[in-house]
Amino acid sequence: MLVNSLIFGFIWYQVIAHVGISAGLHRYWAHRSYTAKPWFEVLTLYLSILAGSRSPIGWISAHRMHHHHSDTELDPHSPKFKGFWKVFLSQWSIKNIPPKYSKDLFSNPRMVFFHNNWHWIWAGTALFTLLISPWLFVSIVLVPAILAPIGFGTVNAICHIGGESRNFPLANILVAGEGYHNEHHDGKNFRFHKYDQTGFVLSLLDKYGIIEARKH
């Protein structure tokens, strides 16, 4: 049972990483690289919380701050200034994030709801799955909560070694195309690279009218 739960958990985590974090918090909410329907917003926000992202507004604001101050002392997770292992292990924190990085987010009622209730949503999902089966809890809640910090901590640390953005495609096993980090820093499109998994999926969704790419 444990092996099956871990395998299913890894597959489920791929859904969370692709839809919740990469397509959702990152490319949609943080960078507004495409437009989407309210149901899609709710889906991305819920899945992102299962990845242990906590408040989506906190995640998005920190990422915007990272881009604005990339590889400087004000970069919230620069391995050069915060320390490689602290960033790699996702142990960095921010005392104060300027309101300019989050002001627009508070105008969206769905975002505000998940920001105010993320802990209840995560705990409710954890309790619900645990009551059904401990193995379901392992797959749906525990495995993503472990893999997400490892994967995205790897990108934050390794993709900024030496004080500049770089690619680390091997990380895409856990980060859904985010390993093409240098292309992301150099562009504004939702597809970073021809082998970017999340970008490929978003291209299909754009083609069939589920989302709409923004013109840059």
Foldseek 3Di string as FASTA:
>chain_A
DLVVLLVLLLVLLLVLLLQQPQVALNQCVQQNQWFADPVSNLVNLLSPLLLVPQQSLQVSLLVNQCLVQPLHCSNQQQCVNPNQVCLQQVVTDDDDRPCVSRVVVVVDPSSVVCRVCSVVSLVVVLVVQVVVDVSSSCRRRVSSNVLSSNLVSCQSRVQQPPRAGQADVVSCSRNQQCSLPNQVSVDRHSHSDPPRRSSVVVVVCCVVVRMPGDDD
